[in-house]
Amino acid sequence: QVQLVESGGGLVQAGGSLRLSCAASGRTFGTSTIGWFRQVPGKEREFVAHINWSSGITYYADSVKGRFTISRDNAKNTVYLQMNSLKPEDTAVYYCARRLGSWGTSPRVYDVWGQGTQVTVSS
């Protein structure tokens, strides 16, 4: 069974950058899709971006397109989320998750989740 561990969150000023990491242990990602989601208290978990592990094809939410970049490192079995031009509204707990197969923006189709990492953007 694969396990996911996020890291890289923190406090940053508006306009700054952070890079989140999602490291897998237990098994490799294989043909999975790895997604990043975020959640603020009282709101539903929101899709941010995903990448198909085998093809490298990516997809982004409109709210982060052009600012965030999702990528993968096959050797390290790790997925990254580079976040640039951060805004206060990007403040949330960020989660990575695994979906067997391709595509998916609903958190319901992802079956393995990390513990989350807090990102706080100050104005």
PDB file of N, CA and C in Angstrom:
ATOM      1  N   GLN A   1       0.848  -1.190   0.000  1.00  0.00           N
ATOM      2  CA  GLN A   1       0.000   0.000   0.000  1.00  0.00           C
ATOM      3  C   GLN A   1       0.887   1.246   0.000  1.00  0.00           C
ATOM      4  N   VAL A   2       0.568   2.192  -0.861  1.00  0.00           N
ATOM      5  CA  VAL A   2       1.356   3.407  -0.936  1.00  0.00           C
ATOM      6  C   VAL A   2       0.965   4.353   0.193  1.00  0.00           C
ATOM      7  N   GLN A   3       1.943   5.071   0.707  1.00  0.00           N
ATOM      8  CA  GLN A   3       1.712   6.119   1.689  1.00  0.00           C
ATOM      9  C   GLN A   3       2.287   7.411   1.148  1.00  0.00           C
ATOM     10  N   LEU A   4       1.605   8.513   1.429  1.00  0.00           N
ATOM     11  CA  LEU A   4       2.009   9.819   0.919  1.00  0.00           C
ATOM     12  C   LEU A   4       2.352  10.754   2.066  1.00  0.00           C
ATOM     13  N   VAL A   5       3.434  11.500   1.905  1.00  0.00           N
ATOM     14  CA  VAL A   5       3.852  12.454   2.925  1.00  0.00           C
ATOM     15  C   VAL A   5       4.150  13.784   2.252  1.00  0.00           C
ATOM     16  N   GLU A   6       3.402  14.818   2.656  1.00  0.00           N
ATOM     17  CA  GLU A   6       3.627  16.157   2.118  1.00  0.00           C
ATOM     18  C   GLU A   6       4.627  16.917   2.989  1.00  0.00           C
ATOM     19  N   SER A   7       5.303  17.850   2.377  1.00  0.00           N
ATOM     20  CA  SER A   7       6.193  18.750   3.094  1.00  0.00           C
ATOM     21  C   SER A   7       6.358  20.022   2.287  1.00  0.00           C
ATOM     22  N   GLY A   8       6.933  21.048   2.928  1.00  0.00           N
ATOM     23  CA  GLY A   8       7.241  22.271   2.215  1.00  0.00           C
ATOM     24  C   GLY A   8       6.323  23.443   2.507  1.00  0.00           C
ATOM     25  N   GLY A   9       5.291  23.223   3.298  1.00  0.00           N
ATOM     26  CA  GLY A   9       4.406  24.323   3.626  1.00  0.00           C
ATOM     27  C   GLY A   9       5.080  25.336   4.537  1.00  0.00           C
ATOM     28  N   GLY A  10       4.405  26.472   4.738  1.00  0.00           N
ATOM     29  CA  GLY A  10       4.961  27.489   5.613  1.00  0.00           C
ATOM     30  C   GLY A  10       4.244  28.804   5.446  1.00  0.00           C
ATOM     31  N   LEU A  11       4.859  29.843   5.984  1.00  0.00           N
ATOM     32  CA  LEU A  11       4.321  31.203   5.933  1.00  0.00           C
ATOM     33  C   LEU A  11       5.120  32.004   4.918  1.00  0.00           C
ATOM     34  N   VAL A  12       4.428  32.677   4.023  1.00  0.00           N
ATOM     35  CA  VAL A  12       5.085  33.466   2.981  1.00  0.00           C
ATOM     36  C   VAL A  12       4.262  34.720   2.732  1.00  0.00           C
ATOM     37  N   GLN A  13       4.936  35.770   2.303  1.00  0.00           N
ATOM     38  CA  GLN A  13       4.224  37.006   1.975  1.00  0.00           C
ATOM     39  C   GLN A  13       3.586  36.894   0.594  1.00  0.00           C
ATOM     40  N   ALA A  14       2.559  37.664   0.384  1.00  0.00           N
ATOM     41  CA  ALA A  14       1.914  37.710  -0.926  1.00  0.00           C
ATOM     42  C   ALA A  14       2.947  38.040  -1.997  1.00  0.00           C
ATOM     43  N   GLY A  15       2.851  37.328  -3.120  1.00  0.00           N
ATOM     44  CA  GLY A  15       3.813  37.484  -4.193  1.00  0.00           C
ATOM     45  C   GLY A  15       4.985  36.539  -4.109  1.00  0.00           C
ATOM     46  N   GLY A  16       5.122  35.862  -2.987  1.00  0.00           N
ATOM     47  CA  GLY A  16       6.230  34.941  -2.786  1.00  0.00           C
ATOM     48  C   GLY A  16       5.962  33.569  -3.372  1.00  0.00           C
ATOM     49  N   SER A  17       6.889  32.653  -3.100  1.00  0.00           N
ATOM     50  CA  SER A  17       6.822  31.307  -3.670  1.00  0.00           C
ATOM     51  C   SER A  17       7.069  30.253  -2.593  1.00  0.00           C
ATOM     52  N   LEU A  18       6.512  29.088  -2.823  1.00  0.00           N
ATOM     53  CA  LEU A  18       6.769  27.902  -2.020  1.00  0.00           C
ATOM     54  C   LEU A  18       6.768  26.702  -2.949  1.00  0.00           C
ATOM     55  N   ARG A  19       7.506  25.665  -2.565  1.00  0.00           N
ATOM     56  CA  ARG A  19       7.435  24.401  -3.289  1.00  0.00           C
ATOM     57  C   ARG A  19       7.039  23.298  -2.318  1.00  0.00           C
ATOM     58  N   LEU A  20       5.920  22.666  -2.622  1.00  0.00           N
ATOM     59  CA  LEU A  20       5.445  21.532  -1.834  1.00  0.00           C
ATOM     60  C   LEU A  20       5.946  20.232  -2.458  1.00  0.00           C
ATOM     61  N   SER A  21       6.207  19.257  -1.592  1.00  0.00           N
ATOM     62  CA  SER A  21       6.621  17.936  -2.047  1.00  0.00           C
ATOM     63  C   SER A  21       5.642  16.893  -1.540  1.00  0.00           C
ATOM     64  N   CYS A  22       5.456  15.860  -2.340  1.00  0.00           N
ATOM     65  CA  CYS A  22       4.615  14.728  -1.984  1.00  0.00           C
ATOM     66  C   CYS A  22       5.423  13.465  -2.272  1.00  0.00           C
ATOM     67  N   ALA A  23       5.932  12.851  -1.224  1.00  0.00           N
ATOM     68  CA  ALA A  23       6.783  11.679  -1.380  1.00  0.00           C
ATOM     69  C   ALA A  23       5.989  10.417  -1.107  1.00  0.00           C
ATOM     70  N   ALA A  24       6.194   9.427  -1.958  1.00  0.00           N
ATOM     71  CA  ALA A  24       5.487   8.154  -1.810  1.00  0.00           C
ATOM     72  C   ALA A  24       6.413   7.102  -1.221  1.00  0.00           C
ATOM     73  N   SER A  25       5.860   6.295  -0.356  1.00  0.00           N
ATOM     74  CA  SER A  25       6.595   5.154   0.182  1.00  0.00           C
ATOM     75  C   SER A  25       5.698   3.934   0.114  1.00  0.00           C
ATOM     76  N   GLY A  26       6.310   2.790   0.143  1.00  0.00           N
ATOM     77  CA  GLY A  26       5.546   1.559   0.103  1.00  0.00           C
ATOM     78  C   GLY A  26       5.494   0.973  -1.287  1.00  0.00           C
ATOM     79  N   ARG A  27       4.991   1.711  -2.240  1.00  0.00           N
ATOM     80  CA  ARG A  27       4.930   1.276  -3.625  1.00  0.00           C
ATOM     81  C   ARG A  27       5.126   2.485  -4.518  1.00  0.00           C
ATOM     82  N   THR A  28       5.516   2.250  -5.745  1.00  0.00           N
ATOM     83  CA  THR A  28       5.683   3.360  -6.675  1.00  0.00           C
ATOM     84  C   THR A  28       4.299   3.794  -7.189  1.00  0.00           C
ATOM     85  N   PHE A  29       4.293   4.938  -7.854  1.00  0.00           N
ATOM     86  CA  PHE A  29       3.033   5.481  -8.345  1.00  0.00           C
ATOM     87  C   PHE A  29       2.501   4.735  -9.557  1.00  0.00           C
ATOM     88  N   GLY A  30       3.346   4.074 -10.314  1.00  0.00           N
ATOM     89  CA  GLY A  30       2.895   3.269 -11.448  1.00  0.00           C
ATOM     90  C   GLY A  30       2.123   4.080 -12.454  1.00  0.00           C
ATOM     91  N   THR A  31       0.863   3.701 -12.701  1.00  0.00           N
ATOM     92  CA  THR A  31       0.026   4.393 -13.675  1.00  0.00           C
ATOM     93  C   THR A  31      -0.952   5.333 -12.993  1.00  0.00           C
ATOM     94  N   SER A  32      -0.663   5.726 -11.786  1.00  0.00           N
ATOM     95  CA  SER A  32      -1.577   6.564 -11.012  1.00  0.00           C
ATOM     96  C   SER A  32      -1.601   7.999 -11.495  1.00  0.00           C
ATOM     97  N   THR A  33      -2.609   8.694 -11.050  1.00  0.00           N
ATOM     98  CA  THR A  33      -2.670  10.150 -11.144  1.00  0.00           C
ATOM     99  C   THR A  33      -2.481  10.705  -9.735  1.00  0.00           C
ATOM    100  N   ILE A  34      -1.610  11.678  -9.607  1.00  0.00           N
ATOM    101  CA  ILE A  34      -1.371  12.319  -8.319  1.00  0.00           C
ATOM    102  C   ILE A  34      -1.950  13.728  -8.362  1.00  0.00           C
ATOM    103  N   GLY A  35      -2.784  14.010  -7.405  1.00  0.00           N
ATOM    104  CA  GLY A  35      -3.435  15.301  -7.355  1.00  0.00           C
ATOM    105  C   GLY A  35      -3.052  16.097  -6.125  1.00  0.00           C
ATOM    106  N   TRP A  36      -3.109  17.412  -6.278  1.00  0.00           N
ATOM    107  CA  TRP A  36      -3.000  18.321  -5.136  1.00  0.00           C
ATOM    108  C   TRP A  36      -4.359  18.972  -4.913  1.00  0.00           C
ATOM    109  N   PHE A  37      -4.757  19.014  -3.661  1.00  0.00           N
ATOM    110  CA  PHE A  37      -5.998  19.645  -3.257  1.00  0.00           C
ATOM    111  C   PHE A  37      -5.695  20.595  -2.113  1.00  0.00           C
ATOM    112  N   ARG A  38      -6.635  21.476  -1.824  1.00  0.00           N
ATOM    113  CA  ARG A  38      -6.470  22.361  -0.673  1.00  0.00           C
ATOM    114  C   ARG A  38      -7.806  22.551   0.013  1.00  0.00           C
ATOM    115  N   GLN A  39      -7.711  22.880   1.284  1.00  0.00           N
ATOM    116  CA  GLN A  39      -8.935  23.022   2.061  1.00  0.00           C
ATOM    117  C   GLN A  39      -8.749  24.073   3.146  1.00  0.00           C
ATOM    118  N   VAL A  40      -9.769  24.916   3.288  1.00  0.00           N
ATOM    119  CA  VAL A  40      -9.828  25.867   4.391  1.00  0.00           C
ATOM    120  C   VAL A  40     -10.969  25.454   5.286  1.00  0.00           C
ATOM    121  N   PRO A  41     -10.911  25.819   6.555  1.00  0.00           N
ATOM    122  CA  PRO A  41     -11.964  25.408   7.489  1.00  0.00           C
ATOM    123  C   PRO A  41     -13.341  25.855   7.011  1.00  0.00           C
ATOM    124  N   GLY A  42     -14.277  24.945   7.078  1.00  0.00           N
ATOM    125  CA  GLY A  42     -15.646  25.254   6.720  1.00  0.00           C
ATOM    126  C   GLY A  42     -15.956  25.138   5.239  1.00  0.00           C
ATOM    127  N   LYS A  43     -14.960  24.813   4.442  1.00  0.00           N
ATOM    128  CA  LYS A  43     -15.179  24.674   3.000  1.00  0.00           C
ATOM    129  C   LYS A  43     -14.785  23.284   2.536  1.00  0.00           C
ATOM    130  N   GLU A  44     -15.310  22.910   1.370  1.00  0.00           N
ATOM    131  CA  GLU A  44     -14.980  21.611   0.805  1.00  0.00           C
ATOM    132  C   GLU A  44     -13.542  21.621   0.272  1.00  0.00           C
ATOM    133  N   ARG A  45     -12.999  20.418   0.195  1.00  0.00           N
ATOM    134  CA  ARG A  45     -11.660  20.269  -0.360  1.00  0.00           C
ATOM    135  C   ARG A  45     -11.706  20.638  -1.843  1.00  0.00           C
ATOM    136  N   GLU A  46     -10.752  21.459  -2.268  1.00  0.00           N
ATOM    137  CA  GLU A  46     -10.761  22.037  -3.606  1.00  0.00           C
ATOM    138  C   GLU A  46      -9.617  21.480  -4.445  1.00  0.00           C
ATOM    139  N   PHE A  47      -9.916  21.101  -5.664  1.00  0.00           N
ATOM    140  CA  PHE A  47      -8.893  20.607  -6.582  1.00  0.00           C
ATOM    141  C   PHE A  47      -7.942  21.743  -6.979  1.00  0.00           C
ATOM    142  N   VAL A  48      -6.658  21.430  -7.036  1.00  0.00           N
ATOM    143  CA  VAL A  48      -5.649  22.407  -7.435  1.00  0.00           C
ATOM    144  C   VAL A  48      -4.982  21.993  -8.755  1.00  0.00           C
ATOM    145  N   ALA A  49      -4.440  20.780  -8.800  1.00  0.00           N
ATOM    146  CA  ALA A  49      -3.726  20.313  -9.994  1.00  0.00           C
ATOM    147  C   ALA A  49      -3.537  18.810  -9.900  1.00  0.00           C
ATOM    148  N   HIS A  50      -3.348  18.177 -11.048  1.00  0.00           N
ATOM    149  CA  HIS A  50      -2.949  16.776 -11.022  1.00  0.00           C
ATOM    150  C   HIS A  50      -2.015  16.455 -12.161  1.00  0.00           C
ATOM    151  N   ILE A  51      -1.292  15.361 -11.999  1.00  0.00           N
ATOM    152  CA  ILE A  51      -0.333  14.903 -12.990  1.00  0.00           C
ATOM    153  C   ILE A  51      -0.475  13.389 -13.122  1.00  0.00           C
ATOM    154  N   ASN A  52      -0.487  12.930 -14.357  1.00  0.00           N
ATOM    155  CA  ASN A  52      -0.490  11.492 -14.601  1.00  0.00           C
ATOM    156  C   ASN A  52       0.949  11.007 -14.508  1.00  0.00           C
ATOM    157  N   TRP A  53       1.198  10.029 -13.639  1.00  0.00           N
ATOM    158  CA  TRP A  53       2.564   9.654 -13.337  1.00  0.00           C
ATOM    159  C   TRP A  53       3.304   9.106 -14.548  1.00  0.00           C
ATOM    160  N   SER A  54       2.644   8.300 -15.351  1.00  0.00           N
ATOM    161  CA  SER A  54       3.333   7.664 -16.472  1.00  0.00           C
ATOM    162  C   SER A  54       3.499   8.599 -17.658  1.00  0.00           C
ATOM    163  N   SER A  55       2.488   9.406 -17.977  1.00  0.00           N
ATOM    164  CA  SER A  55       2.564  10.265 -19.158  1.00  0.00           C
ATOM    165  C   SER A  55       3.124  11.644 -18.853  1.00  0.00           C
ATOM    166  N   GLY A  56       2.974  12.091 -17.599  1.00  0.00           N
ATOM    167  CA  GLY A  56       3.402  13.440 -17.245  1.00  0.00           C
ATOM    168  C   GLY A  56       2.418  14.525 -17.618  1.00  0.00           C
ATOM    169  N   ILE A  57       1.267  14.136 -18.158  1.00  0.00           N
ATOM    170  CA  ILE A  57       0.265  15.130 -18.540  1.00  0.00           C
ATOM    171  C   ILE A  57      -0.298  15.772 -17.284  1.00  0.00           C
ATOM    172  N   THR A  58      -0.464  17.090 -17.335  1.00  0.00           N
ATOM    173  CA  THR A  58      -0.907  17.855 -16.174  1.00  0.00           C
ATOM    174  C   THR A  58      -2.222  18.575 -16.451  1.00  0.00           C
ATOM    175  N   TYR A  59      -2.858  18.965 -15.384  1.00  0.00           N
ATOM    176  CA  TYR A  59      -4.125  19.719 -15.478  1.00  0.00           C
ATOM    177  C   TYR A  59      -4.238  20.600 -14.246  1.00  0.00           C
ATOM    178  N   TYR A  60      -4.746  21.833 -14.428  1.00  0.00           N
ATOM    179  CA  TYR A  60      -4.792  22.796 -13.345  1.00  0.00           C
ATOM    180  C   TYR A  60      -6.187  23.394 -13.177  1.00  0.00           C
ATOM    181  N   ALA A  61      -6.487  23.764 -11.952  1.00  0.00           N
ATOM    182  CA  ALA A  61      -7.662  24.574 -11.708  1.00  0.00           C
ATOM    183  C   ALA A  61      -7.417  25.966 -12.278  1.00  0.00           C
ATOM    184  N   ASP A  62      -8.472  26.617 -12.727  1.00  0.00           N
ATOM    185  CA  ASP A  62      -8.336  27.954 -13.311  1.00  0.00           C
ATOM    186  C   ASP A  62      -7.722  28.942 -12.320  1.00  0.00           C
ATOM    187  N   SER A  63      -8.014  28.742 -11.049  1.00  0.00           N
ATOM    188  CA  SER A  63      -7.562  29.691 -10.033  1.00  0.00           C
ATOM    189  C   SER A  63      -6.043  29.691  -9.843  1.00  0.00           C
ATOM    190  N   VAL A  64      -5.366  28.634 -10.299  1.00  0.00           N
ATOM    191  CA  VAL A  64      -3.916  28.563 -10.099  1.00  0.00           C
ATOM    192  C   VAL A  64      -3.153  28.488 -11.424  1.00  0.00           C
ATOM    193  N   LYS A  65      -3.860  28.392 -12.519  1.00  0.00           N
ATOM    194  CA  LYS A  65      -3.214  28.254 -13.826  1.00  0.00           C
ATOM    195  C   LYS A  65      -2.301  29.451 -14.082  1.00  0.00           C
ATOM    196  N   GLY A  66      -1.078  29.154 -14.519  1.00  0.00           N
ATOM    197  CA  GLY A  66      -0.104  30.206 -14.778  1.00  0.00           C
ATOM    198  C   GLY A  66       0.717  30.602 -13.569  1.00  0.00           C
ATOM    199  N   ARG A  67       0.301  30.172 -12.372  1.00  0.00           N
ATOM    200  CA  ARG A  67       1.049  30.489 -11.147  1.00  0.00           C
ATOM    201  C   ARG A  67       1.659  29.241 -10.509  1.00  0.00           C
ATOM    202  N   PHE A  68       0.960  28.124 -10.595  1.00  0.00           N
ATOM    203  CA  PHE A  68       1.404  26.866  -9.979  1.00  0.00           C
ATOM    204  C   PHE A  68       1.861  25.915 -11.071  1.00  0.00           C
ATOM    205  N   THR A  69       2.852  25.095 -10.737  1.00  0.00           N
ATOM    206  CA  THR A  69       3.344  24.069 -11.653  1.00  0.00           C
ATOM    207  C   THR A  69       3.494  22.753 -10.902  1.00  0.00           C
ATOM    208  N   ILE A  70       2.861  21.712 -11.429  1.00  0.00           N
ATOM    209  CA  ILE A  70       2.998  20.378 -10.849  1.00  0.00           C
ATOM    210  C   ILE A  70       4.003  19.597 -11.681  1.00  0.00           C
ATOM    211  N   SER A  71       4.856  18.850 -11.016  1.00  0.00           N
ATOM    212  CA  SER A  71       5.873  18.073 -11.720  1.00  0.00           C
ATOM    213  C   SER A  71       6.184  16.812 -10.930  1.00  0.00           C
ATOM    214  N   ARG A  72       6.976  15.930 -11.530  1.00  0.00           N
ATOM    215  CA  ARG A  72       7.309  14.678 -10.853  1.00  0.00           C
ATOM    216  C   ARG A  72       8.773  14.348 -11.030  1.00  0.00           C
ATOM    217  N   ASP A  73       9.305  13.606 -10.084  1.00  0.00           N
ATOM    218  CA  ASP A  73      10.672  13.094 -10.150  1.00  0.00           C
ATOM    219  C   ASP A  73      10.568  11.581  -9.992  1.00  0.00           C
ATOM    220  N   ASN A  74      10.723  10.872 -11.095  1.00  0.00           N
ATOM    221  CA  ASN A  74      10.548   9.420 -11.069  1.00  0.00           C
ATOM    222  C   ASN A  74      11.544   8.739 -10.136  1.00  0.00           C
ATOM    223  N   ALA A  75      12.773   9.210 -10.137  1.00  0.00           N
ATOM    224  CA  ALA A  75      13.814   8.571  -9.334  1.00  0.00           C
ATOM    225  C   ALA A  75      13.525   8.698  -7.844  1.00  0.00           C
ATOM    226  N   LYS A  76      12.926   9.823  -7.457  1.00  0.00           N
ATOM    227  CA  LYS A  76      12.637  10.059  -6.043  1.00  0.00           C
ATOM    228  C   LYS A  76      11.212   9.682  -5.663  1.00  0.00           C
ATOM    229  N   ASN A  77      10.429   9.245  -6.643  1.00  0.00           N
ATOM    230  CA  ASN A  77       9.027   8.904  -6.391  1.00  0.00           C
ATOM    231  C   ASN A  77       8.299  10.030  -5.672  1.00  0.00           C
ATOM    232  N   THR A  78       8.506  11.226  -6.192  1.00  0.00           N
ATOM    233  CA  THR A  78       7.999  12.428  -5.545  1.00  0.00           C
ATOM    234  C   THR A  78       7.324  13.325  -6.571  1.00  0.00           C
ATOM    235  N   VAL A  79       6.224  13.943  -6.144  1.00  0.00           N
ATOM    236  CA  VAL A  79       5.523  14.943  -6.940  1.00  0.00           C
ATOM    237  C   VAL A  79       5.673  16.289  -6.248  1.00  0.00           C
ATOM    238  N   TYR A  80       5.878  17.318  -7.046  1.00  0.00           N
ATOM    239  CA  TYR A  80       6.076  18.665  -6.517  1.00  0.00           C
ATOM    240  C   TYR A  80       4.962  19.593  -6.971  1.00  0.00           C
ATOM    241  N   LEU A  81       4.720  20.613  -6.171  1.00  0.00           N
ATOM    242  CA  LEU A  81       3.824  21.701  -6.555  1.00  0.00           C
ATOM    243  C   LEU A  81       4.576  22.998  -6.304  1.00  0.00           C
ATOM    244  N   GLN A  82       5.069  23.592  -7.391  1.00  0.00           N
ATOM    245  CA  GLN A  82       5.742  24.884  -7.303  1.00  0.00           C
ATOM    246  C   GLN A  82       4.671  25.965  -7.351  1.00  0.00           C
ATOM    247  N   MET A  83       4.632  26.795  -6.319  1.00  0.00           N
ATOM    248  CA  MET A  83       3.602  27.818  -6.206  1.00  0.00           C
ATOM    249  C   MET A  83       4.279  29.186  -6.237  1.00  0.00           C
ATOM    250  N   ASN A  84       3.995  29.946  -7.282  1.00  0.00           N
ATOM    251  CA  ASN A  84       4.550  31.291  -7.437  1.00  0.00           C
ATOM    252  C   ASN A  84       3.438  32.327  -7.369  1.00  0.00           C
ATOM    253  N   SER A  85       3.830  33.574  -7.185  1.00  0.00           N
ATOM    254  CA  SER A  85       2.866  34.688  -7.132  1.00  0.00           C
ATOM    255  C   SER A  85       1.720  34.372  -6.180  1.00  0.00           C
ATOM    256  N   LEU A  86       2.066  33.909  -5.004  1.00  0.00           N
ATOM    257  CA  LEU A  86       1.046  33.482  -4.046  1.00  0.00           C
ATOM    258  C   LEU A  86       0.191  34.640  -3.582  1.00  0.00           C
ATOM    259  N   LYS A  87      -1.070  34.328  -3.338  1.00  0.00           N
ATOM    260  CA  LYS A  87      -2.056  35.308  -2.894  1.00  0.00           C
ATOM    261  C   LYS A  87      -2.610  34.886  -1.540  1.00  0.00           C
ATOM    262  N   PRO A  88      -3.123  35.821  -0.760  1.00  0.00           N
ATOM    263  CA  PRO A  88      -3.728  35.439   0.531  1.00  0.00           C
ATOM    264  C   PRO A  88      -4.816  34.376   0.382  1.00  0.00           C
ATOM    265  N   GLU A  89      -5.539  34.402  -0.709  1.00  0.00           N
ATOM    266  CA  GLU A  89      -6.595  33.406  -0.920  1.00  0.00           C
ATOM    267  C   GLU A  89      -6.062  32.010  -1.218  1.00  0.00           C
ATOM    268  N   ASP A  90      -4.752  31.869  -1.371  1.00  0.00           N
ATOM    269  CA  ASP A  90      -4.148  30.545  -1.519  1.00  0.00           C
ATOM    270  C   ASP A  90      -3.907  29.884  -0.163  1.00  0.00           C
ATOM    271  N   THR A  91      -4.144  30.621   0.910  1.00  0.00           N
ATOM    272  CA  THR A  91      -3.963  30.070   2.251  1.00  0.00           C
ATOM    273  C   THR A  91      -4.902  28.891   2.472  1.00  0.00           C
ATOM    274  N   ALA A  92      -4.336  27.747   2.868  1.00  0.00           N
ATOM    275  CA  ALA A  92      -5.102  26.520   3.056  1.00  0.00           C
ATOM    276  C   ALA A  92      -4.170  25.421   3.533  1.00  0.00           C
ATOM    277  N   VAL A  93      -4.777  24.304   3.929  1.00  0.00           N
ATOM    278  CA  VAL A  93      -4.007  23.069   4.091  1.00  0.00           C
ATOM    279  C   VAL A  93      -3.982  22.377   2.739  1.00  0.00           C
ATOM    280  N   TYR A  94      -2.799  22.037   2.290  1.00  0.00           N
ATOM    281  CA  TYR A  94      -2.626  21.393   0.994  1.00  0.00           C
ATOM    282  C   TYR A  94      -2.382  19.903   1.187  1.00  0.00           C
ATOM    283  N   TYR A  95      -3.112  19.116   0.400  1.00  0.00           N
ATOM    284  CA  TYR A  95      -3.020  17.667   0.460  1.00  0.00           C
ATOM    285  C   TYR A  95      -2.630  17.110  -0.906  1.00  0.00           C
ATOM    286  N   CYS A  96      -1.831  16.055  -0.896  1.00  0.00           N
ATOM    287  CA  CYS A  96      -1.661  15.297  -2.130  1.00  0.00           C
ATOM    288  C   CYS A  96      -2.416  13.978  -1.975  1.00  0.00           C
ATOM    289  N   ALA A  97      -2.802  13.419  -3.107  1.00  0.00           N
ATOM    290  CA  ALA A  97      -3.610  12.209  -3.095  1.00  0.00           C
ATOM    291  C   ALA A  97      -3.342  11.391  -4.341  1.00  0.00           C
ATOM    292  N   ARG A  98      -3.620  10.106  -4.260  1.00  0.00           N
ATOM    293  CA  ARG A  98      -3.398   9.180  -5.365  1.00  0.00           C
ATOM    294  C   ARG A  98      -4.704   8.651  -5.887  1.00  0.00           C
ATOM    295  N   ARG A  99      -4.820   8.639  -7.209  1.00  0.00           N
ATOM    296  CA  ARG A  99      -5.965   8.013  -7.868  1.00  0.00           C
ATOM    297  C   ARG A  99      -5.424   6.953  -8.815  1.00  0.00           C
ATOM    298  N   LEU A 100      -5.946   5.750  -8.721  1.00  0.00           N
ATOM    299  CA  LEU A 100      -5.578   4.721  -9.680  1.00  0.00           C
ATOM    300  C   LEU A 100      -6.216   5.055 -11.006  1.00  0.00           C
ATOM    301  N   GLY A 101      -5.417   5.128 -12.061  1.00  0.00           N
ATOM    302  CA  GLY A 101      -5.943   5.491 -13.369  1.00  0.00           C
ATOM    303  C   GLY A 101      -5.688   6.966 -13.653  1.00  0.00           C
ATOM    304  N   SER A 102      -6.352   7.468 -14.694  1.00  0.00           N
ATOM    305  CA  SER A 102      -6.041   8.817 -15.173  1.00  0.00           C
ATOM    306  C   SER A 102      -7.161   9.795 -14.838  1.00  0.00           C
ATOM    307  N   TRP A 103      -6.799  11.020 -14.664  1.00  0.00           N
ATOM    308  CA  TRP A 103      -7.657  12.174 -14.493  1.00  0.00           C
ATOM    309  C   TRP A 103      -8.532  12.111 -13.256  1.00  0.00           C
ATOM    310  N   GLY A 104      -9.197  13.201 -12.965  1.00  0.00           N
ATOM    311  CA  GLY A 104     -10.088  13.268 -11.819  1.00  0.00           C
ATOM    312  C   GLY A 104      -9.859  14.536 -11.033  1.00  0.00           C
ATOM    313  N   THR A 105     -10.884  15.367 -10.916  1.00  0.00           N
ATOM    314  CA  THR A 105     -10.787  16.590 -10.114  1.00  0.00           C
ATOM    315  C   THR A 105     -11.620  16.510  -8.840  1.00  0.00           C
ATOM    316  N   SER A 106     -12.400  15.459  -8.691  1.00  0.00           N
ATOM    317  CA  SER A 106     -13.188  15.302  -7.474  1.00  0.00           C
ATOM    318  C   SER A 106     -12.370  14.543  -6.431  1.00  0.00           C
ATOM    319  N   PRO A 107     -12.320  15.034  -5.192  1.00  0.00           N
ATOM    320  CA  PRO A 107     -11.580  14.306  -4.167  1.00  0.00           C
ATOM    321  C   PRO A 107     -12.146  12.912  -3.917  1.00  0.00           C
ATOM    322  N   ARG A 108     -13.382  12.674  -4.311  1.00  0.00           N
ATOM    323  CA  ARG A 108     -14.000  11.371  -4.041  1.00  0.00           C
ATOM    324  C   ARG A 108     -13.364  10.243  -4.832  1.00  0.00           C
ATOM    325  N   VAL A 109     -12.684  10.554  -5.918  1.00  0.00           N
ATOM    326  CA  VAL A 109     -12.102   9.475  -6.737  1.00  0.00           C
ATOM    327  C   VAL A 109     -10.661   9.176  -6.357  1.00  0.00           C
ATOM    328  N   TYR A 110     -10.139   9.845  -5.352  1.00  0.00           N
ATOM    329  CA  TYR A 110      -8.783   9.605  -4.871  1.00  0.00           C
ATOM    330  C   TYR A 110      -8.861   8.738  -3.614  1.00  0.00           C
ATOM    331  N   ASP A 111      -8.004   7.717  -3.551  1.00  0.00           N
ATOM    332  CA  ASP A 111      -8.170   6.745  -2.480  1.00  0.00           C
ATOM    333  C   ASP A 111      -7.085   6.782  -1.411  1.00  0.00           C
ATOM    334  N   VAL A 112      -5.983   7.425  -1.680  1.00  0.00           N
ATOM    335  CA  VAL A 112      -4.910   7.519  -0.688  1.00  0.00           C
ATOM    336  C   VAL A 112      -4.554   8.995  -0.532  1.00  0.00           C
ATOM    337  N   TRP A 113      -4.468   9.455   0.727  1.00  0.00           N
ATOM    338  CA  TRP A 113      -4.227  10.859   1.027  1.00  0.00           C
ATOM    339  C   TRP A 113      -3.055  11.011   1.980  1.00  0.00           C
ATOM    340  N   GLY A 114      -2.346  12.125   1.819  1.00  0.00           N
ATOM    341  CA  GLY A 114      -1.348  12.491   2.792  1.00  0.00           C
ATOM    342  C   GLY A 114      -1.990  13.217   3.962  1.00  0.00           C
ATOM    343  N   GLN A 115      -1.156  13.634   4.901  1.00  0.00           N
ATOM    344  CA  GLN A 115      -1.667  14.250   6.123  1.00  0.00           C
ATOM    345  C   GLN A 115      -1.906  15.744   5.975  1.00  0.00           C
ATOM    346  N   GLY A 116      -1.373  16.338   4.917  1.00  0.00           N
ATOM    347  CA  GLY A 116      -1.575  17.754   4.664  1.00  0.00           C
ATOM    348  C   GLY A 116      -0.429  18.615   5.180  1.00  0.00           C
ATOM    349  N   THR A 117      -0.252  19.761   4.538  1.00  0.00           N
ATOM    350  CA  THR A 117       0.753  20.731   4.969  1.00  0.00           C
ATOM    351  C   THR A 117       0.155  22.128   4.853  1.00  0.00           C
ATOM    352  N   GLN A 118       0.353  22.938   5.885  1.00  0.00           N
ATOM    353  CA  GLN A 118      -0.275  24.255   5.943  1.00  0.00           C
ATOM    354  C   GLN A 118       0.510  25.264   5.118  1.00  0.00           C
ATOM    355  N   VAL A 119      -0.213  26.008   4.299  1.00  0.00           N
ATOM    356  CA  VAL A 119       0.357  27.136   3.564  1.00  0.00           C
ATOM    357  C   VAL A 119      -0.394  28.385   3.983  1.00  0.00           C
ATOM    358  N   THR A 120       0.339  29.378   4.448  1.00  0.00           N
ATOM    359  CA  THR A 120      -0.264  30.636   4.877  1.00  0.00           C
ATOM    360  C   THR A 120       0.402  31.774   4.118  1.00  0.00           C
ATOM    361  N   VAL A 121      -0.421  32.569   3.433  1.00  0.00           N
ATOM    362  CA  VAL A 121       0.082  33.696   2.650  1.00  0.00           C
ATOM    363  C   VAL A 121      -0.419  34.977   3.305  1.00  0.00           C
ATOM    364  N   SER A 122       0.495  35.787   3.756  1.00  0.00           N
ATOM    365  CA  SER A 122       0.124  37.032   4.424  1.00  0.00           C
ATOM    366  C   SER A 122       0.076  38.180   3.420  1.00  0.00           C
ATOM    367  N   SER A 123      -0.811  39.117   3.683  1.00  0.00           N
ATOM    368  CA  SER A 123      -0.981  40.251   2.764  1.00  0.00           C
ATOM    369  C   SER A 123      -0.072  41.404   3.136  1.00  0.00           C
TER     370      SER A 123
END
